[in-house]
PDB file of N, CA and C in Angstrom:
ATOM      1  N   MET A   1       0.840  -1.163  -0.015  1.00  0.00           N
ATOM      2  CA  MET A   1      -0.016  -0.019   0.018  1.00  0.00           C
ATOM      3  C   MET A   1       0.882   1.274   0.027  1.00  0.00           C
ATOM      4  N   LYS A   2       1.924   1.284   0.783  1.00  0.00           N
ATOM      5  CA  LYS A   2       2.798   2.527   0.913  1.00  0.00           C
ATOM      6  C   LYS A   2       3.570   2.690  -0.336  1.00  0.00           C
ATOM      7  N   LYS A   3       3.962   1.537  -0.988  1.00  0.00           N
ATOM      8  CA  LYS A   3       4.731   1.635  -2.250  1.00  0.00           C
ATOM      9  C   LYS A   3       3.864   2.191  -3.349  1.00  0.00           C
ATOM     10  N   GLU A   4       2.636   1.756  -3.396  1.00  0.00           N
ATOM     11  CA  GLU A   4       1.611   2.141  -4.412  1.00  0.00           C
ATOM     12  C   GLU A   4       1.338   3.610  -4.145  1.00  0.00           C
ATOM     13  N   LEU A   5       1.141   4.097  -2.955  1.00  0.00           N
ATOM     14  CA  LEU A   5       0.919   5.519  -2.649  1.00  0.00           C
ATOM     15  C   LEU A   5       2.116   6.290  -3.085  1.00  0.00           C
ATOM     16  N   SER A   6       3.392   5.875  -2.756  1.00  0.00           N
ATOM     17  CA  SER A   6       4.495   6.564  -3.087  1.00  0.00           C
ATOM     18  C   SER A   6       4.690   6.671  -4.568  1.00  0.00           C
ATOM     19  N   ARG A   7       4.378   5.704  -5.316  1.00  0.00           N
ATOM     20  CA  ARG A   7       4.384   5.681  -6.758  1.00  0.00           C
ATOM     21  C   ARG A   7       3.428   6.644  -7.262  1.00  0.00           C
ATOM     22  N   THR A   8       2.189   6.571  -6.762  1.00  0.00           N
ATOM     23  CA  THR A   8       1.114   7.559  -7.279  1.00  0.00           C
ATOM     24  C   THR A   8       1.555   8.973  -6.968  1.00  0.00           C
ATOM     25  N   LEU A   9       2.141   9.249  -5.770  1.00  0.00           N
ATOM     26  CA  LEU A   9       2.577  10.649  -5.509  1.00  0.00           C
ATOM     27  C   LEU A   9       3.668  11.070  -6.361  1.00  0.00           C
ATOM     28  N   ARG A  10       4.522  10.142  -6.793  1.00  0.00           N
ATOM     29  CA  ARG A  10       5.706  10.524  -7.727  1.00  0.00           C
ATOM     30  C   ARG A  10       5.022  10.901  -9.161  1.00  0.00           C
ATOM     31  N   ILE A  11       4.071  10.119  -9.540  1.00  0.00           N
ATOM     32  CA  ILE A  11       3.469  10.356 -10.763  1.00  0.00           C
ATOM     33  C   ILE A  11       2.724  11.746 -10.729  1.00  0.00           C
ATOM     34  N   ILE A  12       2.127  12.024  -9.610  1.00  0.00           N
ATOM     35  CA  ILE A  12       1.469  13.303  -9.444  1.00  0.00           C
ATOM     36  C   ILE A  12       2.495  14.448  -9.507  1.00  0.00           C
ATOM     37  N   ALA A  13       3.683  14.225  -8.876  1.00  0.00           N
ATOM     38  CA  ALA A  13       4.688  15.252  -8.964  1.00  0.00           C
ATOM     39  C   ALA A  13       5.183  15.532 -10.308  1.00  0.00           C
ATOM     40  N   VAL A  14       5.257  14.523 -11.180  1.00  0.00           N
ATOM     41  CA  VAL A  14       5.741  14.715 -12.519  1.00  0.00           C
ATOM     42  C   VAL A  14       4.628  15.497 -13.311  1.00  0.00           C
ATOM     43  N   LEU A  15       3.418  15.355 -12.985  1.00  0.00           N
ATOM     44  CA  LEU A  15       2.387  16.026 -13.685  1.00  0.00           C
ATOM     45  C   LEU A  15       2.078  17.422 -13.204  1.00  0.00           C
ATOM     46  N   THR A  16       2.804  17.816 -12.158  1.00  0.00           N
ATOM     47  CA  THR A  16       2.522  19.204 -11.611  1.00  0.00           C
ATOM     48  C   THR A  16       2.788  20.316 -12.509  1.00  0.00           C
ATOM     49  N   PHE A  17       3.523  20.016 -13.606  1.00  0.00           N
ATOM     50  CA  PHE A  17       3.797  21.104 -14.596  1.00  0.00           C
ATOM     51  C   PHE A  17       2.561  21.667 -15.116  1.00  0.00           C
ATOM     52  N   SER A  18       1.475  20.821 -15.169  1.00  0.00           N
ATOM     53  CA  SER A  18       0.225  21.287 -15.715  1.00  0.00           C
ATOM     54  C   SER A  18      -0.876  21.220 -14.537  1.00  0.00           C
ATOM     55  N   LEU A  19      -0.407  21.699 -13.423  1.00  0.00           N
ATOM     56  CA  LEU A  19      -1.322  21.577 -12.230  1.00  0.00           C
ATOM     57  C   LEU A  19      -2.442  22.494 -12.356  1.00  0.00           C
ATOM     58  N   CYS A  20      -3.582  21.829 -12.012  1.00  0.00           N
ATOM     59  CA  CYS A  20      -4.852  22.615 -12.095  1.00  0.00           C
ATOM     60  C   CYS A  20      -5.545  22.405 -10.713  1.00  0.00           C
ATOM     61  N   LEU A  21      -5.587  23.428  -9.913  1.00  0.00           N
ATOM     62  CA  LEU A  21      -6.224  23.306  -8.600  1.00  0.00           C
ATOM     63  C   LEU A  21      -7.639  23.791  -8.871  1.00  0.00           C
ATOM     64  N   PHE A  22      -8.591  22.938  -8.417  1.00  0.00           N
ATOM     65  CA  PHE A  22      -9.970  23.153  -8.714  1.00  0.00           C
ATOM     66  C   PHE A  22     -10.874  22.657  -7.517  1.00  0.00           C
ATOM     67  N   GLN A  23     -11.604  23.593  -6.894  1.00  0.00           N
ATOM     68  CA  GLN A  23     -12.503  23.225  -5.947  1.00  0.00           C
ATOM     69  C   GLN A  23     -13.660  24.178  -5.912  1.00  0.00           C
ATOM     70  N   THR A  24     -14.891  23.768  -6.070  1.00  0.00           N
ATOM     71  CA  THR A  24     -15.973  24.589  -6.137  1.00  0.00           C
ATOM     72  C   THR A  24     -17.235  23.990  -5.452  1.00  0.00           C
ATOM     73  N   VAL A  25     -18.078  24.780  -4.984  1.00  0.00           N
ATOM     74  CA  VAL A  25     -19.378  24.300  -4.480  1.00  0.00           C
ATOM     75  C   VAL A  25     -20.396  24.095  -5.584  1.00  0.00           C
ATOM     76  N   ALA A  26     -20.309  24.980  -6.600  1.00  0.00           N
ATOM     77  CA  ALA A  26     -21.281  24.866  -7.714  1.00  0.00           C
ATOM     78  C   ALA A  26     -21.132  23.627  -8.607  1.00  0.00           C
ATOM     79  N   VAL A  27     -19.925  23.261  -8.801  1.00  0.00           N
ATOM     80  CA  VAL A  27     -19.594  22.105  -9.721  1.00  0.00           C
ATOM     81  C   VAL A  27     -19.077  20.972  -8.866  1.00  0.00           C
ATOM     82  N   ALA A  28     -19.667  19.762  -8.797  1.00  0.00           N
ATOM     83  CA  ALA A  28     -19.165  18.680  -8.090  1.00  0.00           C
ATOM     84  C   ALA A  28     -18.082  18.011  -8.863  1.00  0.00           C
ATOM     85  N   VAL A  29     -16.919  17.863  -8.277  1.00  0.00           N
ATOM     86  CA  VAL A  29     -15.863  17.168  -8.904  1.00  0.00           C
ATOM     87  C   VAL A  29     -15.651  15.809  -8.217  1.00  0.00           C
ATOM     88  N   ASP A  30     -15.650  14.730  -9.011  1.00  0.00           N
ATOM     89  CA  ASP A  30     -15.399  13.413  -8.404  1.00  0.00           C
ATOM     90  C   ASP A  30     -13.870  13.125  -8.408  1.00  0.00           C
ATOM     91  N   TYR A  31     -13.303  12.970  -7.267  1.00  0.00           N
ATOM     92  CA  TYR A  31     -11.890  12.792  -7.173  1.00  0.00           C
ATOM     93  C   TYR A  31     -11.666  11.184  -7.077  1.00  0.00           C
ATOM     94  N   ALA A  32     -10.717  10.739  -7.890  1.00  0.00           N
ATOM     95  CA  ALA A  32     -10.446   9.301  -7.934  1.00  0.00           C
ATOM     96  C   ALA A  32      -9.692   8.825  -6.750  1.00  0.00           C
ATOM     97  N   HIS A  33      -9.053   9.678  -5.964  1.00  0.00           N
ATOM     98  CA  HIS A  33      -8.157   9.273  -4.887  1.00  0.00           C
ATOM     99  C   HIS A  33      -8.373  10.170  -3.725  1.00  0.00           C
ATOM    100  N   GLU A  34      -8.148   9.679  -2.525  1.00  0.00           N
ATOM    101  CA  GLU A  34      -8.261  10.506  -1.387  1.00  0.00           C
ATOM    102  C   GLU A  34      -7.280  10.001  -0.314  1.00  0.00           C
ATOM    103  N   LEU A  35      -6.622  10.863   0.383  1.00  0.00           N
ATOM    104  CA  LEU A  35      -5.606  10.534   1.448  1.00  0.00           C
ATOM    105  C   LEU A  35      -5.979  11.431   2.560  1.00  0.00           C
ATOM    106  N   LYS A  36      -6.126  10.830   3.775  1.00  0.00           N
ATOM    107  CA  LYS A  36      -6.399  11.588   5.013  1.00  0.00           C
ATOM    108  C   LYS A  36      -5.287  11.464   5.940  1.00  0.00           C
ATOM    109  N   VAL A  37      -4.753  12.526   6.444  1.00  0.00           N
ATOM    110  CA  VAL A  37      -3.659  12.534   7.374  1.00  0.00           C
ATOM    111  C   VAL A  37      -4.009  13.364   8.482  1.00  0.00           C
ATOM    112  N   LYS A  38      -4.217  12.728   9.678  1.00  0.00           N
ATOM    113  CA  LYS A  38      -4.804  13.507  10.826  1.00  0.00           C
ATOM    114  C   LYS A  38      -6.069  14.079  10.395  1.00  0.00           C
ATOM    115  N   LYS A  39      -6.247  15.458  10.465  1.00  0.00           N
ATOM    116  CA  LYS A  39      -7.430  16.075  10.155  1.00  0.00           C
ATOM    117  C   LYS A  39      -7.514  16.689   8.755  1.00  0.00           C
ATOM    118  N   MET A  40      -6.438  16.512   7.999  1.00  0.00           N
ATOM    119  CA  MET A  40      -6.356  17.099   6.585  1.00  0.00           C
ATOM    120  C   MET A  40      -6.674  16.019   5.673  1.00  0.00           C
ATOM    121  N   THR A  41      -7.389  16.504   4.555  1.00  0.00           N
ATOM    122  CA  THR A  41      -7.711  15.604   3.448  1.00  0.00           C
ATOM    123  C   THR A  41      -7.156  16.075   2.138  1.00  0.00           C
ATOM    124  N   PHE A  42      -6.576  15.225   1.433  1.00  0.00           N
ATOM    125  CA  PHE A  42      -5.988  15.565   0.085  1.00  0.00           C
ATOM    126  C   PHE A  42      -6.743  14.577  -0.915  1.00  0.00           C
ATOM    127  N   ALA A  43      -7.513  15.168  -1.774  1.00  0.00           N
ATOM    128  CA  ALA A  43      -8.217  14.379  -2.765  1.00  0.00           C
ATOM    129  C   ALA A  43      -7.757  14.908  -4.205  1.00  0.00           C
ATOM    130  N   TRP A  44      -7.579  13.941  -5.155  1.00  0.00           N
ATOM    131  CA  TRP A  44      -7.086  14.289  -6.421  1.00  0.00           C
ATOM    132  C   TRP A  44      -7.547  13.352  -7.521  1.00  0.00           C
ATOM    133  N   LYS A  45      -7.463  13.947  -8.737  1.00  0.00           N
ATOM    134  CA  LYS A  45      -7.695  13.095  -9.964  1.00  0.00           C
ATOM    135  C   LYS A  45      -6.812  13.616 -11.020  1.00  0.00           C
ATOM    136  N   ILE A  46      -6.425  12.844 -11.928  1.00  0.00           N
ATOM    137  CA  ILE A  46      -5.636  13.273 -13.163  1.00  0.00           C
ATOM    138  C   ILE A  46      -6.569  13.039 -14.346  1.00  0.00           C
ATOM    139  N   GLN A  47      -6.753  14.114 -15.132  1.00  0.00           N
ATOM    140  CA  GLN A  47      -7.532  14.115 -16.310  1.00  0.00           C
ATOM    141  C   GLN A  47      -6.939  14.950 -17.384  1.00  0.00           C
ATOM    142  N   GLN A  48      -6.753  14.428 -18.577  1.00  0.00           N
ATOM    143  CA  GLN A  48      -6.155  15.148 -19.694  1.00  0.00           C
ATOM    144  C   GLN A  48      -4.867  15.924 -19.376  1.00  0.00           C
ATOM    145  N   GLN A  49      -3.954  15.269 -18.677  1.00  0.00           N
ATOM    146  CA  GLN A  49      -2.703  15.768 -18.199  1.00  0.00           C
ATOM    147  C   GLN A  49      -2.825  17.011 -17.269  1.00  0.00           C
ATOM    148  N   LYS A  50      -3.923  17.046 -16.594  1.00  0.00           N
ATOM    149  CA  LYS A  50      -4.100  18.036 -15.458  1.00  0.00           C
ATOM    150  C   LYS A  50      -4.282  17.312 -14.192  1.00  0.00           C
ATOM    151  N   LEU A  51      -3.833  17.952 -13.116  1.00  0.00           N
ATOM    152  CA  LEU A  51      -3.990  17.383 -11.839  1.00  0.00           C
ATOM    153  C   LEU A  51      -5.084  18.242 -11.112  1.00  0.00           C
ATOM    154  N   TYR A  52      -6.197  17.734 -10.732  1.00  0.00           N
ATOM    155  CA  TYR A  52      -7.238  18.314  -9.993  1.00  0.00           C
ATOM    156  C   TYR A  52      -7.070  18.045  -8.579  1.00  0.00           C
ATOM    157  N   VAL A  53      -7.082  19.053  -7.641  1.00  0.00           N
ATOM    158  CA  VAL A  53      -6.775  18.833  -6.248  1.00  0.00           C
ATOM    159  C   VAL A  53      -7.839  19.503  -5.407  1.00  0.00           C
ATOM    160  N   LYS A  54      -8.099  18.810  -4.290  1.00  0.00           N
ATOM    161  CA  LYS A  54      -8.881  19.472  -3.178  1.00  0.00           C
ATOM    162  C   LYS A  54      -8.256  19.192  -1.950  1.00  0.00           C
ATOM    163  N   LEU A  55      -7.917  20.311  -1.222  1.00  0.00           N
ATOM    164  CA  LEU A  55      -7.340  20.173   0.128  1.00  0.00           C
ATOM    165  C   LEU A  55      -8.384  20.688   1.080  1.00  0.00           C
ATOM    166  N   THR A  56      -8.524  19.930   2.202  1.00  0.00           N
ATOM    167  CA  THR A  56      -9.501  20.455   3.219  1.00  0.00           C
ATOM    168  C   THR A  56      -8.814  20.189   4.600  1.00  0.00           C
ATOM    169  N   ALA A  57      -9.054  21.093   5.468  1.00  0.00           N
ATOM    170  CA  ALA A  57      -8.537  21.070   6.883  1.00  0.00           C
ATOM    171  C   ALA A  57      -9.298  21.871   7.800  1.00  0.00           C
ATOM    172  N   PRO A  58      -9.431  21.508   9.080  1.00  0.00           N
ATOM    173  CA  PRO A  58     -10.191  22.377  10.056  1.00  0.00           C
ATOM    174  C   PRO A  58      -9.240  23.484  10.474  1.00  0.00           C
ATOM    175  N   THR A  59      -9.104  24.534   9.636  1.00  0.00           N
ATOM    176  CA  THR A  59      -8.248  25.659   9.986  1.00  0.00           C
ATOM    177  C   THR A  59      -8.847  26.888   9.415  1.00  0.00           C
ATOM    178  N   THR A  60      -8.438  28.058   9.923  1.00  0.00           N
ATOM    179  CA  THR A  60      -8.766  29.324   9.302  1.00  0.00           C
ATOM    180  C   THR A  60      -7.557  29.913   8.657  1.00  0.00           C
ATOM    181  N   GLY A  61      -6.506  29.159   8.580  1.00  0.00           N
ATOM    182  CA  GLY A  61      -5.308  29.539   7.975  1.00  0.00           C
ATOM    183  C   GLY A  61      -4.912  28.872   6.681  1.00  0.00           C
ATOM    184  N   TRP A  62      -3.643  28.753   6.399  1.00  0.00           N
ATOM    185  CA  TRP A  62      -3.180  28.163   5.210  1.00  0.00           C
ATOM    186  C   TRP A  62      -3.391  26.578   5.171  1.00  0.00           C
ATOM    187  N   VAL A  63      -3.549  26.089   3.991  1.00  0.00           N
ATOM    188  CA  VAL A  63      -3.417  24.671   3.764  1.00  0.00           C
ATOM    189  C   VAL A  63      -2.396  24.422   2.665  1.00  0.00           C
ATOM    190  N   ALA A  64      -1.646  23.448   2.740  1.00  0.00           N
ATOM    191  CA  ALA A  64      -0.544  23.233   1.752  1.00  0.00           C
ATOM    192  C   ALA A  64      -0.192  21.777   1.615  1.00  0.00           C
ATOM    193  N   ILE A  65       0.345  21.453   0.523  1.00  0.00           N
ATOM    194  CA  ILE A  65       0.817  20.124   0.198  1.00  0.00           C
ATOM    195  C   ILE A  65       2.135  20.288  -0.618  1.00  0.00           C
ATOM    196  N   GLY A  66       3.074  19.362  -0.382  1.00  0.00           N
ATOM    197  CA  GLY A  66       4.352  19.382  -1.109  1.00  0.00           C
ATOM    198  C   GLY A  66       4.554  18.018  -1.687  1.00  0.00           C
ATOM    199  N   PHE A  67       5.232  18.047  -2.908  1.00  0.00           N
ATOM    200  CA  PHE A  67       5.491  16.816  -3.635  1.00  0.00           C
ATOM    201  C   PHE A  67       6.988  16.562  -3.818  1.00  0.00           C
ATOM    202  N   ASN A  68       7.366  15.340  -3.587  1.00  0.00           N
ATOM    203  CA  ASN A  68       8.689  14.920  -4.005  1.00  0.00           C
ATOM    204  C   ASN A  68       9.850  15.625  -3.321  1.00  0.00           C
ATOM    205  N   PRO A  69       9.931  15.915  -2.051  1.00  0.00           N
ATOM    206  CA  PRO A  69      11.072  16.464  -1.517  1.00  0.00           C
ATOM    207  C   PRO A  69      12.260  15.533  -1.440  1.00  0.00           C
ATOM    208  N   THR A  70      13.480  16.063  -1.437  1.00  0.00           N
ATOM    209  CA  THR A  70      14.696  15.242  -1.300  1.00  0.00           C
ATOM    210  C   THR A  70      15.054  15.121   0.152  1.00  0.00           C
ATOM    211  N   TYR A  71      14.891  16.210   0.951  1.00  0.00           N
ATOM    212  CA  TYR A  71      15.148  16.252   2.404  1.00  0.00           C
ATOM    213  C   TYR A  71      14.311  17.298   2.975  1.00  0.00           C
ATOM    214  N   ARG A  72      13.369  16.946   3.799  1.00  0.00           N
ATOM    215  CA  ARG A  72      12.363  17.824   4.461  1.00  0.00           C
ATOM    216  C   ARG A  72      11.706  18.559   3.354  1.00  0.00           C
ATOM    217  N   MET A  73      11.871  19.933   3.353  1.00  0.00           N
ATOM    218  CA  MET A  73      11.167  20.719   2.239  1.00  0.00           C
ATOM    219  C   MET A  73      11.925  20.812   0.976  1.00  0.00           C
ATOM    220  N   GLN A  74      13.293  20.486   1.058  1.00  0.00           N
ATOM    221  CA  GLN A  74      14.212  20.662  -0.065  1.00  0.00           C
ATOM    222  C   GLN A  74      13.676  19.985  -1.318  1.00  0.00           C
ATOM    223  N   ASP A  75      13.670  20.698  -2.445  1.00  0.00           N
ATOM    224  CA  ASP A  75      13.245  20.340  -3.745  1.00  0.00           C
ATOM    225  C   ASP A  75      11.888  19.930  -3.874  1.00  0.00           C
ATOM    226  N   ALA A  76      10.990  20.164  -2.973  1.00  0.00           N
ATOM    227  CA  ALA A  76       9.554  19.801  -3.112  1.00  0.00           C
ATOM    228  C   ALA A  76       8.825  20.929  -3.924  1.00  0.00           C
ATOM    229  N   ASN A  77       7.873  20.497  -4.615  1.00  0.00           N
ATOM    230  CA  ASN A  77       6.872  21.358  -5.350  1.00  0.00           C
ATOM    231  C   ASN A  77       5.744  21.592  -4.366  1.00  0.00           C
ATOM    232  N   PHE A  78       5.490  22.789  -4.035  1.00  0.00           N
ATOM    233  CA  PHE A  78       4.448  23.104  -3.049  1.00  0.00           C
ATOM    234  C   PHE A  78       3.267  23.863  -3.668  1.00  0.00           C
ATOM    235  N   VAL A  79       2.076  23.546  -3.185  1.00  0.00           N
ATOM    236  CA  VAL A  79       0.868  24.291  -3.462  1.00  0.00           C
ATOM    237  C   VAL A  79       0.267  24.759  -2.131  1.00  0.00           C
ATOM    238  N   LEU A  80       0.146  26.054  -1.897  1.00  0.00           N
ATOM    239  CA  LEU A  80      -0.288  26.630  -0.644  1.00  0.00           C
ATOM    240  C   LEU A  80      -1.518  27.506  -0.936  1.00  0.00           C
ATOM    241  N   GLY A  81      -2.530  27.458  -0.005  1.00  0.00           N
ATOM    242  CA  GLY A  81      -3.682  28.348  -0.289  1.00  0.00           C
ATOM    243  C   GLY A  81      -4.476  28.639   0.974  1.00  0.00           C
ATOM    244  N   TYR A  82      -5.264  29.624   0.882  1.00  0.00           N
ATOM    245  CA  TYR A  82      -6.171  30.035   2.011  1.00  0.00           C
ATOM    246  C   TYR A  82      -7.391  30.743   1.478  1.00  0.00           C
ATOM    247  N   VAL A  83      -8.416  30.880   2.199  1.00  0.00           N
ATOM    248  CA  VAL A  83      -9.576  31.690   1.924  1.00  0.00           C
ATOM    249  C   VAL A  83      -9.802  32.612   3.076  1.00  0.00           C
ATOM    250  N   LYS A  84      -9.964  33.892   2.655  1.00  0.00           N
ATOM    251  CA  LYS A  84     -10.279  34.881   3.773  1.00  0.00           C
ATOM    252  C   LYS A  84     -11.330  35.895   3.157  1.00  0.00           C
ATOM    253  N   ASP A  85     -12.422  36.023   3.942  1.00  0.00           N
ATOM    254  CA  ASP A  85     -13.519  36.879   3.523  1.00  0.00           C
ATOM    255  C   ASP A  85     -13.954  36.568   2.142  1.00  0.00           C
ATOM    256  N   GLY A  86     -13.992  35.288   1.757  1.00  0.00           N
ATOM    257  CA  GLY A  86     -14.509  34.820   0.470  1.00  0.00           C
ATOM    258  C   GLY A  86     -13.520  34.966  -0.630  1.00  0.00           C
ATOM    259  N   ASN A  87     -12.260  35.503  -0.369  1.00  0.00           N
ATOM    260  CA  ASN A  87     -11.223  35.589  -1.367  1.00  0.00           C
ATOM    261  C   ASN A  87     -10.188  34.486  -1.301  1.00  0.00           C
ATOM    262  N   VAL A  88      -9.920  33.818  -2.436  1.00  0.00           N
ATOM    263  CA  VAL A  88      -9.030  32.670  -2.493  1.00  0.00           C
ATOM    264  C   VAL A  88      -7.623  33.135  -2.819  1.00  0.00           C
ATOM    265  N   LYS A  89      -6.573  32.705  -2.143  1.00  0.00           N
ATOM    266  CA  LYS A  89      -5.234  32.991  -2.546  1.00  0.00           C
ATOM    267  C   LYS A  89      -4.560  31.629  -2.614  1.00  0.00           C
ATOM    268  N   VAL A  90      -3.892  31.372  -3.782  1.00  0.00           N
ATOM    269  CA  VAL A  90      -3.229  30.124  -3.894  1.00  0.00           C
ATOM    270  C   VAL A  90      -1.739  30.436  -4.472  1.00  0.00           C
ATOM    271  N   ALA A  91      -0.746  29.807  -4.060  1.00  0.00           N
ATOM    272  CA  ALA A  91       0.614  30.073  -4.440  1.00  0.00           C
ATOM    273  C   ALA A  91       1.282  28.817  -4.838  1.00  0.00           C
ATOM    274  N   ASP A  92       2.151  28.952  -5.772  1.00  0.00           N
ATOM    275  CA  ASP A  92       3.005  27.830  -6.309  1.00  0.00           C
ATOM    276  C   ASP A  92       4.476  28.061  -5.830  1.00  0.00           C
ATOM    277  N   HIS A  93       4.937  27.177  -4.932  1.00  0.00           N
ATOM    278  CA  HIS A  93       6.286  27.458  -4.324  1.00  0.00           C
ATOM    279  C   HIS A  93       7.201  26.230  -4.576  1.00  0.00           C
ATOM    280  N   PHE A  94       8.475  26.368  -4.370  1.00  0.00           N
ATOM    281  CA  PHE A  94       9.501  25.376  -4.502  1.00  0.00           C
ATOM    282  C   PHE A  94      10.410  25.371  -3.250  1.00  0.00           C
ATOM    283  N   GLY A  95      10.714  24.119  -2.700  1.00  0.00           N
ATOM    284  CA  GLY A  95      11.590  24.106  -1.557  1.00  0.00           C
ATOM    285  C   GLY A  95      13.005  24.301  -1.845  1.00  0.00           C
ATOM    286  N   VAL A  96      13.591  25.404  -1.408  1.00  0.00           N
ATOM    287  CA  VAL A  96      14.985  25.724  -1.707  1.00  0.00           C
ATOM    288  C   VAL A  96      15.971  25.338  -0.612  1.00  0.00           C
ATOM    289  N   ARG A  97      15.433  24.960   0.563  1.00  0.00           N
ATOM    290  CA  ARG A  97      16.271  24.469   1.678  1.00  0.00           C
ATOM    291  C   ARG A  97      15.392  23.555   2.472  1.00  0.00           C
ATOM    292  N   PRO A  98      16.026  22.820   3.421  1.00  0.00           N
ATOM    293  CA  PRO A  98      15.245  21.899   4.209  1.00  0.00           C
ATOM    294  C   PRO A  98      14.092  22.470   4.940  1.00  0.00           C
ATOM    295  N   LYS A  99      14.197  23.775   5.316  1.00  0.00           N
ATOM    296  CA  LYS A  99      13.142  24.489   6.092  1.00  0.00           C
ATOM    297  C   LYS A  99      12.674  25.767   5.392  1.00  0.00           C
ATOM    298  N   GLU A 100      12.711  25.806   4.005  1.00  0.00           N
ATOM    299  CA  GLU A 100      12.334  27.078   3.395  1.00  0.00           C
ATOM    300  C   GLU A 100      11.808  26.797   1.928  1.00  0.00           C
ATOM    301  N   HIS A 101      10.814  27.466   1.654  1.00  0.00           N
ATOM    302  CA  HIS A 101      10.252  27.418   0.270  1.00  0.00           C
ATOM    303  C   HIS A 101      10.008  28.865  -0.198  1.00  0.00           C
ATOM    304  N   ILE A 102      10.061  29.093  -1.522  1.00  0.00           N
ATOM    305  CA  ILE A 102       9.826  30.361  -2.051  1.00  0.00           C
ATOM    306  C   ILE A 102       8.941  30.271  -3.326  1.00  0.00           C
ATOM    307  N   ASN A 103       8.311  31.425  -3.702  1.00  0.00           N
ATOM    308  CA  ASN A 103       7.436  31.342  -4.843  1.00  0.00           C
ATOM    309  C   ASN A 103       8.251  31.028  -6.121  1.00  0.00           C
ATOM    310  N   ASP A 104       7.658  30.160  -7.038  1.00  0.00           N
ATOM    311  CA  ASP A 104       8.320  29.828  -8.215  1.00  0.00           C
ATOM    312  C   ASP A 104       8.679  30.932  -9.021  1.00  0.00           C
ATOM    313  N   THR A 105       7.890  31.977  -9.133  1.00  0.00           N
ATOM    314  CA  THR A 105       8.146  33.084  -9.964  1.00  0.00           C
ATOM    315  C   THR A 105       9.371  33.864  -9.370  1.00  0.00           C
ATOM    316  N   ALA A 106       9.646  33.873  -8.190  1.00  0.00           N
ATOM    317  CA  ALA A 106      10.841  34.441  -7.574  1.00  0.00           C
ATOM    318  C   ALA A 106      12.062  33.870  -8.070  1.00  0.00           C
ATOM    319  N   MET A 107      12.003  32.547  -8.528  1.00  0.00           N
ATOM    320  CA  MET A 107      13.139  31.948  -9.049  1.00  0.00           C
ATOM    321  C   MET A 107      13.156  31.782 -10.559  1.00  0.00           C
ATOM    322  N   LYS A 108      12.473  32.721 -11.169  1.00  0.00           N
ATOM    323  CA  LYS A 108      12.344  32.795 -12.652  1.00  0.00           C
ATOM    324  C   LYS A 108      11.525  31.560 -13.224  1.00  0.00           C
ATOM    325  N   GLY A 109      10.740  30.913 -12.335  1.00  0.00           N
ATOM    326  CA  GLY A 109       9.888  29.859 -12.785  1.00  0.00           C
ATOM    327  C   GLY A 109       8.497  30.378 -13.112  1.00  0.00           C
ATOM    328  N   SER A 110       7.538  29.523 -13.236  1.00  0.00           N
ATOM    329  CA  SER A 110       6.256  30.011 -13.515  1.00  0.00           C
ATOM    330  C   SER A 110       5.229  29.487 -12.657  1.00  0.00           C
ATOM    331  N   ASN A 111       4.096  30.183 -12.449  1.00  0.00           N
ATOM    332  CA  ASN A 111       2.999  29.728 -11.632  1.00  0.00           C
ATOM    333  C   ASN A 111       2.140  28.819 -12.468  1.00  0.00           C
ATOM    334  N   ASN A 112       2.082  27.520 -12.176  1.00  0.00           N
ATOM    335  CA  ASN A 112       1.288  26.513 -12.985  1.00  0.00           C
ATOM    336  C   ASN A 112      -0.037  26.240 -12.470  1.00  0.00           C
ATOM    337  N   ILE A 113      -0.524  27.067 -11.566  1.00  0.00           N
ATOM    338  CA  ILE A 113      -1.896  26.812 -10.992  1.00  0.00           C
ATOM    339  C   ILE A 113      -2.944  27.604 -11.756  1.00  0.00           C
ATOM    340  N   THR A 114      -4.020  26.874 -12.093  1.00  0.00           N
ATOM    341  CA  THR A 114      -5.094  27.530 -12.845  1.00  0.00           C
ATOM    342  C   THR A 114      -6.419  27.108 -12.214  1.00  0.00           C
ATOM    343  N   ASP A 115      -7.516  27.796 -12.598  1.00  0.00           N
ATOM    344  CA  ASP A 115      -8.833  27.428 -12.218  1.00  0.00           C
ATOM    345  C   ASP A 115      -8.960  27.313 -10.704  1.00  0.00           C
ATOM    346  N   VAL A 116      -8.627  28.425  -9.925  1.00  0.00           N
ATOM    347  CA  VAL A 116      -8.614  28.326  -8.506  1.00  0.00           C
ATOM    348  C   VAL A 116      -9.935  28.729  -7.999  1.00  0.00           C
ATOM    349  N   SER A 117     -10.376  28.033  -7.033  1.00  0.00           N
ATOM    350  CA  SER A 117     -11.571  28.488  -6.207  1.00  0.00           C
ATOM    351  C   SER A 117     -11.457  27.800  -4.868  1.00  0.00           C
ATOM    352  N   GLY A 118     -12.288  28.271  -3.898  1.00  0.00           N
ATOM    353  CA  GLY A 118     -12.133  27.679  -2.622  1.00  0.00           C
ATOM    354  C   GLY A 118     -13.361  28.244  -1.663  1.00  0.00           C
ATOM    355  N   SER A 119     -13.437  27.712  -0.497  1.00  0.00           N
ATOM    356  CA  SER A 119     -14.525  28.166   0.359  1.00  0.00           C
ATOM    357  C   SER A 119     -14.058  27.906   1.824  1.00  0.00           C
ATOM    358  N   GLU A 120     -14.658  28.714   2.688  1.00  0.00           N
ATOM    359  CA  GLU A 120     -14.389  28.477   4.125  1.00  0.00           C
ATOM    360  C   GLU A 120     -15.697  28.409   4.715  1.00  0.00           C
ATOM    361  N   THR A 121     -15.874  27.363   5.591  1.00  0.00           N
ATOM    362  CA  THR A 121     -17.129  27.231   6.372  1.00  0.00           C
ATOM    363  C   THR A 121     -16.826  27.156   7.837  1.00  0.00           C
ATOM    364  N   GLY A 122     -17.775  27.579   8.677  1.00  0.00           N
ATOM    365  CA  GLY A 122     -17.524  27.441  10.069  1.00  0.00           C
ATOM    366  C   GLY A 122     -16.270  28.365  10.486  1.00  0.00           C
ATOM    367  N   LYS A 123     -15.705  27.814  11.532  1.00  0.00           N
ATOM    368  CA  LYS A 123     -14.426  28.566  12.082  1.00  0.00           C
ATOM    369  C   LYS A 123     -13.235  27.843  11.684  1.00  0.00           C
TER     370      LYS A 123
END
């Protein structure tokens, strides 16, 4: 099971060049896979070389996921996001050190995240 999950996450990391973060209340997206870690849920599907992702967690702050680090945060591809007052903010980052990540565009990379939406309910 762990090997299969690791292999799946590696495949996802390879496809992040065409990352498509998509979550909406109006359109129901069926996610093929789901992983729960503590109180956070990561659901995803791959369709037409795009990765559709939904991250949920009981927080009023940021949610984030990182793919394929070599050591801690180093070399990981990160997607970070939050919702505040109905506004969604999502960022595409890269792990530059074991405990540091920066925006891809700051490293002359590109933001590969499209079709962003989100919601916050409760507290």
